[in-house]
Amino acid sequence: MQVIQSLFQFVTWAVTAIIVAAIVLIVLRSVINYMDLNPFSWLAVTLRRSTEPVLRPVRATLIGFRLDPKFAPFIAILLIIVAGYLLIQVVATVLNTIAGIIFALTSRQLGAPVAIFGYLLFGFLGFYTLLIFIRIIFSFVGVGYGNGLMRFLYWTTEPLLGPLRRMVPPVGMFDISPIVAFIIVWLCQAAVAGTLLRGWPPRFF
C-alpha cells in the first residue's frame, strides 16, 4: 500500500512540475510579445515553438466563437491546469482501485469478494466521470470526431449523454446534460460505497 501511495505522490509531483513549466513558458512568451522584443531572437523562437502547439488550437477556437484571440494564453493556462488535474484524477482512480482490491484480498474479512467487485465498480464510475469531463474539454477546444481519442470518448459516453440530451432541455445555448450525468454517476458511486463497500474505505488517498 505504501508503494502505491508513493507512486501516486510521484505522479502528482511530476504532473505539477510539468504544469508549472508550461505556464512559465506561456507567460514568458506573452511578456516578450508585450514588450515587443526581437521576435527572431533565440529565446523568442524557442518559446514560440514550444508553446504554439498548445496556443494554436485555443486561438482557433476563440476565433470560431468570435472572441478575441489575445485571450488564448489565459485560456490555455486554464486548460493545462484542468488537463493536469484530470490526469492526476485518472491515476488516482486506477491506483485507488488497485489499492482497494489489494486491501480486500489481504484483509481476511467476510465479504471480501463483494468488496473487490465494489472497488472495481467504484473505480469504473470514477473513470467514467473523467471520460465525460475530457469529452467536454475536447469539444470546447474543437477536437472533432475524426480524432481517434474523441471517437472513443463519444462511443463510451454517448450511451448516457445521448438519452439525457433528449430528456433534459438546454439552458439557452448551453447543454446541461453532462451536469445531470455527473450527478447520476456520483449517486451511483454513493450507492456502491453505501452497499458493496459498507465498512470498507471507498478511497485510500
N, C-alpha and C. Protein backbone atom coordinates (compact mmCIF):
# COMPACT_ATOMS: atom_id res chain seq x y z
N MET A 1 0.83 -1.22 0.00
CA MET A 1 0.00 0.00 0.00
C MET A 1 0.86 1.26 0.00
N GLN A 2 1.97 1.19 0.74
CA GLN A 2 2.88 2.33 0.80
C GLN A 2 3.48 2.61 -0.57
N VAL A 3 3.75 1.54 -1.33
CA VAL A 3 4.32 1.72 -2.68
C VAL A 3 3.32 2.44 -3.58
N ILE A 4 2.05 2.09 -3.47
CA ILE A 4 1.03 2.74 -4.30
C ILE A 4 0.90 4.21 -3.93
N GLN A 5 0.91 4.50 -2.63
CA GLN A 5 0.83 5.90 -2.20
C GLN A 5 2.04 6.70 -2.67
N SER A 6 3.23 6.08 -2.61
CA SER A 6 4.45 6.76 -3.07
C SER A 6 4.38 7.00 -4.57
N LEU A 7 3.85 6.04 -5.32
CA LEU A 7 3.71 6.20 -6.76
C LEU A 7 2.75 7.34 -7.09
N PHE A 8 1.65 7.42 -6.35
CA PHE A 8 0.69 8.50 -6.57
C PHE A 8 1.32 9.85 -6.26
N GLN A 9 2.08 9.94 -5.18
CA GLN A 9 2.74 11.19 -4.84
C GLN A 9 3.75 11.59 -5.92
N PHE A 10 4.47 10.62 -6.47
CA PHE A 10 5.44 10.93 -7.53
C PHE A 10 4.74 11.44 -8.77
N VAL A 11 3.65 10.77 -9.17
CA VAL A 11 2.90 11.22 -10.35
C VAL A 11 2.35 12.62 -10.13
N THR A 12 1.82 12.87 -8.94
CA THR A 12 1.29 14.20 -8.63
C THR A 12 2.38 15.25 -8.74
N TRP A 13 3.55 14.95 -8.20
CA TRP A 13 4.68 15.89 -8.27
C TRP A 13 5.11 16.13 -9.71
N ALA A 14 5.21 15.04 -10.49
CA ALA A 14 5.66 15.17 -11.88
C ALA A 14 4.68 15.98 -12.71
N VAL A 15 3.39 15.70 -12.57
CA VAL A 15 2.38 16.43 -13.33
C VAL A 15 2.37 17.90 -12.93
N THR A 16 2.50 18.17 -11.63
CA THR A 16 2.54 19.55 -11.16
C THR A 16 3.74 20.29 -11.73
N ALA A 17 4.89 19.62 -11.79
CA ALA A 17 6.09 20.24 -12.34
C ALA A 17 5.91 20.57 -13.83
N ILE A 18 5.27 19.66 -14.57
CA ILE A 18 5.02 19.91 -15.99
C ILE A 18 4.06 21.07 -16.17
N ILE A 19 3.03 21.14 -15.35
CA ILE A 19 2.07 22.24 -15.43
C ILE A 19 2.77 23.58 -15.17
N VAL A 20 3.57 23.63 -14.14
CA VAL A 20 4.28 24.87 -13.81
C VAL A 20 5.21 25.27 -14.94
N ALA A 21 5.93 24.31 -15.51
CA ALA A 21 6.85 24.61 -16.61
C ALA A 21 6.09 25.15 -17.82
N ALA A 22 4.96 24.54 -18.15
CA ALA A 22 4.16 25.01 -19.28
C ALA A 22 3.63 26.41 -19.06
N ILE A 23 3.16 26.68 -17.84
CA ILE A 23 2.65 28.02 -17.53
C ILE A 23 3.76 29.05 -17.63
N VAL A 24 4.94 28.72 -17.13
CA VAL A 24 6.06 29.65 -17.21
C VAL A 24 6.41 29.97 -18.66
N LEU A 25 6.43 28.96 -19.51
CA LEU A 25 6.75 29.19 -20.93
C LEU A 25 5.71 30.11 -21.58
N ILE A 26 4.43 29.87 -21.31
CA ILE A 26 3.38 30.69 -21.92
C ILE A 26 3.45 32.12 -21.40
N VAL A 27 3.70 32.29 -20.11
CA VAL A 27 3.81 33.63 -19.54
C VAL A 27 5.01 34.36 -20.12
N LEU A 28 6.15 33.68 -20.24
CA LEU A 28 7.33 34.30 -20.83
C LEU A 28 7.08 34.75 -22.26
N ARG A 29 6.39 33.90 -23.03
CA ARG A 29 6.08 34.28 -24.41
C ARG A 29 5.18 35.51 -24.43
N SER A 30 4.19 35.55 -23.55
CA SER A 30 3.29 36.71 -23.50
C SER A 30 4.04 37.97 -23.11
N VAL A 31 4.98 37.85 -22.18
CA VAL A 31 5.77 39.01 -21.75
C VAL A 31 6.64 39.52 -22.90
N ILE A 32 7.27 38.61 -23.62
CA ILE A 32 8.11 39.02 -24.75
C ILE A 32 7.28 39.70 -25.83
N ASN A 33 6.08 39.14 -26.09
CA ASN A 33 5.21 39.78 -27.09
C ASN A 33 4.76 41.16 -26.63
N TYR A 34 4.47 41.29 -25.34
CA TYR A 34 4.00 42.58 -24.82
C TYR A 34 5.12 43.62 -24.86
N MET A 35 6.34 43.20 -24.58
CA MET A 35 7.46 44.14 -24.59
C MET A 35 7.98 44.42 -25.99
N ASP A 36 7.41 43.71 -26.97
CA ASP A 36 7.78 43.93 -28.38
C ASP A 36 9.28 43.76 -28.60
N LEU A 37 9.82 42.67 -28.03
CA LEU A 37 11.24 42.39 -28.22
C LEU A 37 11.46 41.72 -29.57
N ASN A 38 12.72 41.50 -29.89
CA ASN A 38 13.07 40.91 -31.18
C ASN A 38 12.42 39.54 -31.34
N PRO A 39 11.49 39.36 -32.28
CA PRO A 39 10.79 38.07 -32.42
C PRO A 39 11.67 36.97 -33.00
N PHE A 40 12.86 37.33 -33.49
CA PHE A 40 13.74 36.35 -34.11
C PHE A 40 14.91 35.96 -33.19
N SER A 41 14.87 36.42 -31.95
CA SER A 41 15.91 36.02 -31.01
C SER A 41 15.73 34.55 -30.64
N TRP A 42 16.80 33.97 -30.11
CA TRP A 42 16.75 32.54 -29.77
C TRP A 42 15.65 32.26 -28.75
N LEU A 43 15.52 33.11 -27.75
CA LEU A 43 14.51 32.89 -26.71
C LEU A 43 13.10 32.99 -27.27
N ALA A 44 12.85 34.00 -28.10
CA ALA A 44 11.51 34.19 -28.67
C ALA A 44 11.14 33.02 -29.58
N VAL A 45 12.08 32.57 -30.41
CA VAL A 45 11.80 31.46 -31.32
C VAL A 45 11.55 30.18 -30.53
N THR A 46 12.37 29.94 -29.50
CA THR A 46 12.21 28.73 -28.68
C THR A 46 10.86 28.72 -27.97
N LEU A 47 10.49 29.85 -27.39
CA LEU A 47 9.20 29.93 -26.71
C LEU A 47 8.04 29.75 -27.67
N ARG A 48 8.18 30.32 -28.86
CA ARG A 48 7.11 30.20 -29.85
C ARG A 48 6.95 28.76 -30.29
N ARG A 49 8.05 28.06 -30.53
CA ARG A 49 7.98 26.67 -30.97
C ARG A 49 7.43 25.76 -29.87
N SER A 50 7.76 26.03 -28.63
CA SER A 50 7.34 25.15 -27.54
C SER A 50 5.90 25.38 -27.11
N THR A 51 5.37 26.57 -27.33
CA THR A 51 4.01 26.87 -26.87
C THR A 51 2.97 26.90 -27.98
N GLU A 52 3.41 27.01 -29.23
CA GLU A 52 2.45 27.12 -30.34
C GLU A 52 1.54 25.91 -30.47
N PRO A 53 2.03 24.66 -30.25
CA PRO A 53 1.10 23.52 -30.34
C PRO A 53 -0.08 23.60 -29.38
N VAL A 54 0.10 24.31 -28.27
CA VAL A 54 -1.00 24.48 -27.30
C VAL A 54 -1.84 25.70 -27.64
N LEU A 55 -1.18 26.79 -28.00
CA LEU A 55 -1.90 28.04 -28.23
C LEU A 55 -2.66 28.05 -29.55
N ARG A 56 -2.17 27.35 -30.56
CA ARG A 56 -2.81 27.41 -31.88
C ARG A 56 -4.26 26.92 -31.84
N PRO A 57 -4.55 25.71 -31.30
CA PRO A 57 -5.96 25.28 -31.28
C PRO A 57 -6.84 26.16 -30.39
N VAL A 58 -6.28 26.67 -29.30
CA VAL A 58 -7.07 27.55 -28.43
C VAL A 58 -7.40 28.85 -29.16
N ARG A 59 -6.43 29.39 -29.87
CA ARG A 59 -6.65 30.61 -30.64
C ARG A 59 -7.71 30.38 -31.72
N ALA A 60 -7.62 29.24 -32.40
CA ALA A 60 -8.60 28.93 -33.45
C ALA A 60 -10.01 28.77 -32.86
N THR A 61 -10.10 28.18 -31.67
CA THR A 61 -11.41 28.01 -31.03
C THR A 61 -12.01 29.36 -30.67
N LEU A 62 -11.19 30.26 -30.12
CA LEU A 62 -11.69 31.59 -29.77
C LEU A 62 -12.17 32.34 -31.00
N ILE A 63 -11.42 32.22 -32.09
CA ILE A 63 -11.84 32.88 -33.34
C ILE A 63 -13.16 32.28 -33.82
N GLY A 64 -13.30 30.95 -33.66
CA GLY A 64 -14.55 30.30 -34.07
C GLY A 64 -15.74 30.79 -33.27
N PHE A 65 -15.52 31.13 -32.01
CA PHE A 65 -16.59 31.68 -31.17
C PHE A 65 -16.67 33.21 -31.27
N ARG A 66 -15.91 33.77 -32.21
CA ARG A 66 -15.87 35.22 -32.42
C ARG A 66 -15.42 35.97 -31.17
N LEU A 67 -14.43 35.40 -30.50
CA LEU A 67 -13.83 36.02 -29.33
C LEU A 67 -12.42 36.49 -29.68
N ASP A 68 -11.90 37.40 -28.88
CA ASP A 68 -10.59 37.97 -29.14
C ASP A 68 -9.51 36.90 -28.89
N PRO A 69 -8.70 36.57 -29.90
CA PRO A 69 -7.67 35.54 -29.71
C PRO A 69 -6.55 35.94 -28.75
N LYS A 70 -6.51 37.20 -28.35
CA LYS A 70 -5.45 37.62 -27.43
C LYS A 70 -5.61 36.97 -26.06
N PHE A 71 -6.80 36.42 -25.78
CA PHE A 71 -7.02 35.73 -24.52
C PHE A 71 -6.56 34.28 -24.58
N ALA A 72 -6.01 33.85 -25.70
CA ALA A 72 -5.58 32.46 -25.85
C ALA A 72 -4.60 32.01 -24.78
N PRO A 73 -3.57 32.81 -24.42
CA PRO A 73 -2.66 32.35 -23.36
C PRO A 73 -3.37 32.07 -22.04
N PHE A 74 -4.29 32.95 -21.66
CA PHE A 74 -5.01 32.77 -20.40
C PHE A 74 -5.86 31.50 -20.45
N ILE A 75 -6.59 31.30 -21.55
CA ILE A 75 -7.42 30.10 -21.69
C ILE A 75 -6.56 28.85 -21.72
N ALA A 76 -5.41 28.93 -22.41
CA ALA A 76 -4.52 27.78 -22.49
C ALA A 76 -4.00 27.39 -21.11
N ILE A 77 -3.67 28.37 -20.29
CA ILE A 77 -3.21 28.07 -18.93
C ILE A 77 -4.30 27.37 -18.14
N LEU A 78 -5.53 27.84 -18.25
CA LEU A 78 -6.63 27.19 -17.55
C LEU A 78 -6.81 25.75 -18.02
N LEU A 79 -6.72 25.54 -19.34
CA LEU A 79 -6.88 24.19 -19.88
C LEU A 79 -5.75 23.27 -19.44
N ILE A 80 -4.54 23.80 -19.36
CA ILE A 80 -3.40 23.00 -18.91
C ILE A 80 -3.62 22.56 -17.46
N ILE A 81 -4.09 23.48 -16.62
CA ILE A 81 -4.36 23.14 -15.23
C ILE A 81 -5.45 22.07 -15.13
N VAL A 82 -6.52 22.25 -15.93
CA VAL A 82 -7.61 21.26 -15.92
C VAL A 82 -7.12 19.91 -16.42
N ALA A 83 -6.32 19.92 -17.50
CA ALA A 83 -5.79 18.66 -18.04
C ALA A 83 -4.90 17.96 -17.02
N GLY A 84 -4.07 18.73 -16.32
CA GLY A 84 -3.24 18.14 -15.29
C GLY A 84 -4.05 17.54 -14.16
N TYR A 85 -5.09 18.26 -13.77
CA TYR A 85 -5.97 17.75 -12.72
C TYR A 85 -6.65 16.45 -13.16
N LEU A 86 -7.10 16.41 -14.41
CA LEU A 86 -7.74 15.20 -14.92
C LEU A 86 -6.78 14.03 -14.93
N LEU A 87 -5.54 14.28 -15.34
CA LEU A 87 -4.55 13.22 -15.37
C LEU A 87 -4.30 12.67 -13.97
N ILE A 88 -4.18 13.56 -13.00
CA ILE A 88 -3.97 13.12 -11.62
C ILE A 88 -5.17 12.31 -11.13
N GLN A 89 -6.38 12.74 -11.51
CA GLN A 89 -7.57 12.01 -11.09
C GLN A 89 -7.65 10.64 -11.73
N VAL A 90 -7.23 10.52 -12.99
CA VAL A 90 -7.21 9.21 -13.65
C VAL A 90 -6.27 8.28 -12.92
N VAL A 91 -5.06 8.77 -12.62
CA VAL A 91 -4.09 7.96 -11.90
C VAL A 91 -4.61 7.59 -10.52
N ALA A 92 -5.24 8.56 -9.83
CA ALA A 92 -5.78 8.29 -8.50
C ALA A 92 -6.88 7.23 -8.56
N THR A 93 -7.73 7.30 -9.59
CA THR A 93 -8.80 6.32 -9.72
C THR A 93 -8.25 4.92 -9.93
N VAL A 94 -7.27 4.80 -10.81
CA VAL A 94 -6.68 3.49 -11.10
C VAL A 94 -5.96 2.94 -9.87
N LEU A 95 -5.10 3.76 -9.25
CA LEU A 95 -4.34 3.30 -8.10
C LEU A 95 -5.24 3.03 -6.90
N ASN A 96 -6.29 3.83 -6.73
CA ASN A 96 -7.21 3.60 -5.62
C ASN A 96 -7.95 2.28 -5.79
N THR A 97 -8.31 1.96 -7.03
CA THR A 97 -8.96 0.68 -7.29
C THR A 97 -8.02 -0.48 -6.99
N ILE A 98 -6.77 -0.35 -7.43
CA ILE A 98 -5.78 -1.40 -7.16
C ILE A 98 -5.56 -1.55 -5.66
N ALA A 99 -5.42 -0.41 -4.96
CA ALA A 99 -5.21 -0.46 -3.51
C ALA A 99 -6.40 -1.10 -2.80
N GLY A 100 -7.61 -0.77 -3.25
CA GLY A 100 -8.80 -1.36 -2.63
C GLY A 100 -8.87 -2.85 -2.81
N ILE A 101 -8.52 -3.32 -4.02
CA ILE A 101 -8.54 -4.77 -4.28
C ILE A 101 -7.51 -5.47 -3.42
N ILE A 102 -6.29 -4.90 -3.34
CA ILE A 102 -5.25 -5.50 -2.50
C ILE A 102 -5.68 -5.52 -1.05
N PHE A 103 -6.28 -4.42 -0.59
CA PHE A 103 -6.75 -4.34 0.79
C PHE A 103 -7.79 -5.41 1.07
N ALA A 104 -8.72 -5.61 0.12
CA ALA A 104 -9.76 -6.61 0.33
C ALA A 104 -9.19 -8.03 0.31
N LEU A 105 -8.21 -8.27 -0.55
CA LEU A 105 -7.62 -9.61 -0.65
C LEU A 105 -6.81 -9.98 0.59
N THR A 106 -6.20 -9.00 1.22
CA THR A 106 -5.32 -9.27 2.36
C THR A 106 -5.99 -9.05 3.71
N SER A 107 -7.24 -8.60 3.72
CA SER A 107 -7.88 -8.28 5.00
C SER A 107 -8.44 -9.49 5.72
N ARG A 108 -8.75 -10.56 4.98
CA ARG A 108 -9.31 -11.78 5.55
C ARG A 108 -10.66 -11.52 6.22
N GLN A 109 -11.37 -10.53 5.75
CA GLN A 109 -12.69 -10.25 6.29
C GLN A 109 -13.76 -10.93 5.44
N LEU A 110 -14.91 -11.16 6.05
CA LEU A 110 -16.03 -11.70 5.29
C LEU A 110 -16.51 -10.65 4.29
N GLY A 111 -16.93 -11.09 3.17
CA GLY A 111 -17.42 -10.16 2.16
C GLY A 111 -16.33 -9.58 1.28
N ALA A 112 -15.13 -10.14 1.34
CA ALA A 112 -14.04 -9.62 0.51
C ALA A 112 -14.35 -9.72 -0.99
N PRO A 113 -14.92 -10.83 -1.49
CA PRO A 113 -15.26 -10.86 -2.92
C PRO A 113 -16.24 -9.76 -3.33
N VAL A 114 -17.21 -9.49 -2.47
CA VAL A 114 -18.16 -8.42 -2.76
C VAL A 114 -17.44 -7.07 -2.77
N ALA A 115 -16.51 -6.89 -1.83
CA ALA A 115 -15.76 -5.64 -1.77
C ALA A 115 -14.89 -5.47 -3.01
N ILE A 116 -14.29 -6.54 -3.50
CA ILE A 116 -13.47 -6.45 -4.71
C ILE A 116 -14.31 -5.97 -5.88
N PHE A 117 -15.51 -6.55 -6.02
CA PHE A 117 -16.41 -6.11 -7.08
C PHE A 117 -16.81 -4.65 -6.86
N GLY A 118 -17.03 -4.27 -5.60
CA GLY A 118 -17.39 -2.90 -5.30
C GLY A 118 -16.29 -1.92 -5.66
N TYR A 119 -15.03 -2.29 -5.35
CA TYR A 119 -13.92 -1.41 -5.70
C TYR A 119 -13.79 -1.26 -7.22
N LEU A 120 -13.97 -2.35 -7.94
CA LEU A 120 -13.90 -2.27 -9.41
C LEU A 120 -15.00 -1.36 -9.95
N LEU A 121 -16.22 -1.53 -9.43
CA LEU A 121 -17.34 -0.72 -9.90
C LEU A 121 -17.16 0.74 -9.51
N PHE A 122 -16.68 0.99 -8.27
CA PHE A 122 -16.45 2.35 -7.82
C PHE A 122 -15.39 3.03 -8.69
N GLY A 123 -14.32 2.31 -9.00
CA GLY A 123 -13.27 2.87 -9.84
C GLY A 123 -13.74 3.11 -11.26
N PHE A 124 -14.56 2.19 -11.79
CA PHE A 124 -15.09 2.38 -13.14
C PHE A 124 -15.96 3.62 -13.23
N LEU A 125 -16.80 3.84 -12.22
CA LEU A 125 -17.67 5.02 -12.22
C LEU A 125 -16.85 6.31 -12.15
N GLY A 126 -15.79 6.30 -11.33
CA GLY A 126 -14.92 7.47 -11.27
C GLY A 126 -14.23 7.73 -12.60
N PHE A 127 -13.77 6.66 -13.24
CA PHE A 127 -13.12 6.80 -14.54
C PHE A 127 -14.12 7.28 -15.60
N TYR A 128 -15.36 6.82 -15.51
CA TYR A 128 -16.38 7.23 -16.48
C TYR A 128 -16.68 8.73 -16.34
N THR A 129 -16.69 9.22 -15.10
CA THR A 129 -16.86 10.65 -14.88
C THR A 129 -15.76 11.45 -15.58
N LEU A 130 -14.53 10.95 -15.49
CA LEU A 130 -13.41 11.63 -16.13
C LEU A 130 -13.54 11.60 -17.65
N LEU A 131 -14.03 10.50 -18.20
CA LEU A 131 -14.22 10.43 -19.65
C LEU A 131 -15.21 11.49 -20.12
N ILE A 132 -16.29 11.68 -19.38
CA ILE A 132 -17.26 12.71 -19.73
C ILE A 132 -16.63 14.09 -19.67
N PHE A 133 -15.85 14.32 -18.62
CA PHE A 133 -15.20 15.62 -18.45
C PHE A 133 -14.20 15.88 -19.57
N ILE A 134 -13.42 14.87 -19.93
CA ILE A 134 -12.45 15.02 -21.02
C ILE A 134 -13.16 15.29 -22.33
N ARG A 135 -14.29 14.63 -22.56
CA ARG A 135 -15.05 14.89 -23.80
C ARG A 135 -15.52 16.34 -23.85
N ILE A 136 -15.95 16.87 -22.73
CA ILE A 136 -16.38 18.28 -22.69
C ILE A 136 -15.22 19.20 -23.05
N ILE A 137 -14.04 18.94 -22.47
CA ILE A 137 -12.88 19.77 -22.75
C ILE A 137 -12.49 19.66 -24.22
N PHE A 138 -12.47 18.45 -24.76
CA PHE A 138 -12.11 18.25 -26.16
C PHE A 138 -13.10 18.97 -27.09
N SER A 139 -14.38 18.90 -26.76
CA SER A 139 -15.38 19.58 -27.58
C SER A 139 -15.17 21.09 -27.55
N PHE A 140 -14.78 21.61 -26.38
CA PHE A 140 -14.58 23.05 -26.24
C PHE A 140 -13.42 23.54 -27.10
N VAL A 141 -12.34 22.76 -27.15
CA VAL A 141 -11.18 23.19 -27.92
C VAL A 141 -11.27 22.79 -29.38
N GLY A 142 -12.40 22.24 -29.79
CA GLY A 142 -12.63 21.98 -31.20
C GLY A 142 -12.09 20.67 -31.73
N VAL A 143 -11.84 19.68 -30.86
CA VAL A 143 -11.39 18.36 -31.33
C VAL A 143 -12.59 17.66 -31.96
N GLY A 144 -12.47 17.29 -33.23
CA GLY A 144 -13.58 16.72 -33.96
C GLY A 144 -13.65 15.20 -33.85
N TYR A 145 -14.71 14.64 -34.46
CA TYR A 145 -14.93 13.20 -34.42
C TYR A 145 -13.86 12.44 -35.19
N GLY A 146 -13.13 13.14 -36.06
CA GLY A 146 -12.06 12.48 -36.79
C GLY A 146 -10.90 12.06 -35.92
N ASN A 147 -10.79 12.65 -34.74
CA ASN A 147 -9.74 12.27 -33.80
C ASN A 147 -10.08 10.93 -33.15
N GLY A 148 -9.10 10.03 -33.10
CA GLY A 148 -9.35 8.69 -32.57
C GLY A 148 -9.77 8.69 -31.12
N LEU A 149 -9.13 9.52 -30.30
CA LEU A 149 -9.49 9.58 -28.89
C LEU A 149 -10.88 10.15 -28.72
N MET A 150 -11.24 11.15 -29.55
CA MET A 150 -12.58 11.72 -29.46
C MET A 150 -13.63 10.70 -29.85
N ARG A 151 -13.34 9.87 -30.85
CA ARG A 151 -14.29 8.81 -31.22
C ARG A 151 -14.48 7.84 -30.07
N PHE A 152 -13.40 7.51 -29.36
CA PHE A 152 -13.51 6.62 -28.20
C PHE A 152 -14.35 7.26 -27.10
N LEU A 153 -14.11 8.55 -26.85
CA LEU A 153 -14.89 9.26 -25.83
C LEU A 153 -16.36 9.30 -26.20
N TYR A 154 -16.64 9.53 -27.48
CA TYR A 154 -18.03 9.57 -27.95
C TYR A 154 -18.69 8.20 -27.78
N TRP A 155 -17.97 7.16 -28.16
CA TRP A 155 -18.51 5.81 -28.11
C TRP A 155 -18.80 5.38 -26.68
N THR A 156 -17.97 5.80 -25.72
CA THR A 156 -18.14 5.37 -24.34
C THR A 156 -19.13 6.24 -23.55
N THR A 157 -19.26 7.51 -23.90
CA THR A 157 -20.10 8.41 -23.10
C THR A 157 -21.46 8.69 -23.72
N GLU A 158 -21.59 8.50 -25.01
CA GLU A 158 -22.86 8.83 -25.67
C GLU A 158 -24.02 7.96 -25.20
N PRO A 159 -23.82 6.67 -24.82
CA PRO A 159 -24.96 5.89 -24.30
C PRO A 159 -25.63 6.55 -23.09
N LEU A 160 -24.91 7.35 -22.32
CA LEU A 160 -25.53 8.07 -21.20
C LEU A 160 -25.92 9.48 -21.60
N LEU A 161 -25.02 10.18 -22.31
CA LEU A 161 -25.29 11.57 -22.65
C LEU A 161 -26.38 11.71 -23.70
N GLY A 162 -26.47 10.76 -24.63
CA GLY A 162 -27.47 10.86 -25.70
C GLY A 162 -28.90 10.90 -25.17
N PRO A 163 -29.33 9.89 -24.38
CA PRO A 163 -30.69 9.94 -23.82
C PRO A 163 -30.92 11.15 -22.92
N LEU A 164 -29.90 11.54 -22.13
CA LEU A 164 -30.07 12.70 -21.27
C LEU A 164 -30.25 13.98 -22.09
N ARG A 165 -29.54 14.06 -23.21
CA ARG A 165 -29.66 15.25 -24.06
C ARG A 165 -31.07 15.38 -24.63
N ARG A 166 -31.71 14.24 -24.87
CA ARG A 166 -33.08 14.27 -25.40
C ARG A 166 -34.10 14.58 -24.31
N MET A 167 -33.77 14.23 -23.06
CA MET A 167 -34.72 14.44 -21.97
C MET A 167 -34.54 15.78 -21.27
N VAL A 168 -33.30 16.27 -21.20
CA VAL A 168 -33.02 17.50 -20.47
C VAL A 168 -32.91 18.65 -21.47
N PRO A 169 -33.80 19.64 -21.38
CA PRO A 169 -33.74 20.76 -22.33
C PRO A 169 -32.52 21.64 -22.06
N PRO A 170 -31.92 22.20 -23.10
CA PRO A 170 -30.77 23.10 -22.89
C PRO A 170 -31.19 24.39 -22.21
N VAL A 171 -30.24 24.98 -21.50
CA VAL A 171 -30.46 26.28 -20.88
C VAL A 171 -29.82 27.33 -21.78
N GLY A 172 -30.66 27.98 -22.56
CA GLY A 172 -30.14 28.92 -23.56
C GLY A 172 -29.39 28.15 -24.62
N MET A 173 -28.11 28.47 -24.81
CA MET A 173 -27.28 27.78 -25.79
C MET A 173 -26.41 26.70 -25.14
N PHE A 174 -26.61 26.45 -23.84
CA PHE A 174 -25.75 25.53 -23.11
C PHE A 174 -26.47 24.20 -22.89
N ASP A 175 -25.77 23.10 -23.21
CA ASP A 175 -26.27 21.75 -22.98
C ASP A 175 -25.86 21.34 -21.57
N ILE A 176 -26.86 21.15 -20.70
CA ILE A 176 -26.57 20.83 -19.30
C ILE A 176 -26.67 19.32 -19.03
N SER A 177 -26.84 18.51 -20.08
CA SER A 177 -26.93 17.07 -19.87
C SER A 177 -25.68 16.49 -19.21
N PRO A 178 -24.45 17.00 -19.50
CA PRO A 178 -23.29 16.46 -18.77
C PRO A 178 -23.37 16.68 -17.27
N ILE A 179 -23.95 17.81 -16.84
CA ILE A 179 -24.09 18.05 -15.40
C ILE A 179 -25.01 17.01 -14.78
N VAL A 180 -26.10 16.70 -15.47
CA VAL A 180 -27.02 15.67 -14.98
C VAL A 180 -26.31 14.31 -14.95
N ALA A 181 -25.47 14.06 -15.96
CA ALA A 181 -24.72 12.80 -15.99
C ALA A 181 -23.76 12.71 -14.81
N PHE A 182 -23.09 13.82 -14.48
CA PHE A 182 -22.20 13.83 -13.33
C PHE A 182 -22.96 13.48 -12.05
N ILE A 183 -24.16 14.05 -11.90
CA ILE A 183 -24.96 13.79 -10.70
C ILE A 183 -25.36 12.32 -10.64
N ILE A 184 -25.77 11.75 -11.77
CA ILE A 184 -26.18 10.34 -11.81
C ILE A 184 -25.02 9.43 -11.43
N VAL A 185 -23.84 9.68 -12.02
CA VAL A 185 -22.68 8.83 -11.73
C VAL A 185 -22.27 8.99 -10.27
N TRP A 186 -22.34 10.21 -9.75
CA TRP A 186 -21.99 10.44 -8.34
C TRP A 186 -22.95 9.69 -7.42
N LEU A 187 -24.24 9.70 -7.75
CA LEU A 187 -25.22 8.95 -6.94
C LEU A 187 -24.94 7.46 -7.01
N CYS A 188 -24.53 6.97 -8.18
CA CYS A 188 -24.19 5.55 -8.30
C CYS A 188 -22.97 5.21 -7.45
N GLN A 189 -21.97 6.10 -7.44
CA GLN A 189 -20.80 5.86 -6.59
C GLN A 189 -21.20 5.85 -5.11
N ALA A 190 -22.07 6.77 -4.72
CA ALA A 190 -22.53 6.80 -3.33
C ALA A 190 -23.28 5.52 -2.99
N ALA A 191 -24.05 5.01 -3.94
CA ALA A 191 -24.78 3.76 -3.70
C ALA A 191 -23.82 2.58 -3.55
N VAL A 192 -22.78 2.54 -4.38
CA VAL A 192 -21.78 1.47 -4.27
C VAL A 192 -21.06 1.56 -2.94
N ALA A 193 -20.65 2.78 -2.54
CA ALA A 193 -19.95 2.96 -1.28
C ALA A 193 -20.83 2.58 -0.09
N GLY A 194 -22.14 2.81 -0.20
CA GLY A 194 -23.05 2.53 0.91
C GLY A 194 -23.56 1.11 0.95
N THR A 195 -23.30 0.32 -0.09
CA THR A 195 -23.79 -1.06 -0.12
C THR A 195 -22.62 -2.05 -0.25
N LEU A 196 -22.04 -2.12 -1.42
CA LEU A 196 -20.97 -3.08 -1.65
C LEU A 196 -19.73 -2.79 -0.82
N LEU A 197 -19.49 -1.50 -0.52
CA LEU A 197 -18.28 -1.12 0.23
C LEU A 197 -18.61 -0.66 1.65
N ARG A 198 -19.77 -1.04 2.17
CA ARG A 198 -20.12 -0.65 3.54
C ARG A 198 -19.13 -1.30 4.51
N GLY A 199 -18.49 -0.45 5.33
CA GLY A 199 -17.48 -0.95 6.26
C GLY A 199 -16.10 -1.01 5.68
N TRP A 200 -15.97 -0.70 4.37
CA TRP A 200 -14.67 -0.67 3.70
C TRP A 200 -14.39 0.77 3.26
N PRO A 201 -13.13 1.18 3.29
CA PRO A 201 -12.83 2.55 2.83
C PRO A 201 -12.99 2.66 1.31
N PRO A 202 -13.88 3.55 0.81
CA PRO A 202 -14.05 3.68 -0.63
C PRO A 202 -12.85 4.32 -1.30
N ARG A 203 -12.11 5.16 -0.56
CA ARG A 203 -10.91 5.79 -1.12
C ARG A 203 -9.78 5.70 -0.11
N PHE A 204 -8.56 5.60 -0.64
CA PHE A 204 -7.38 5.49 0.22
C PHE A 204 -6.53 6.75 0.20
N PHE A 205 -6.69 7.59 -0.83
CA PHE A 205 -5.97 8.85 -0.91
C PHE A 205 -6.68 9.75 -1.88
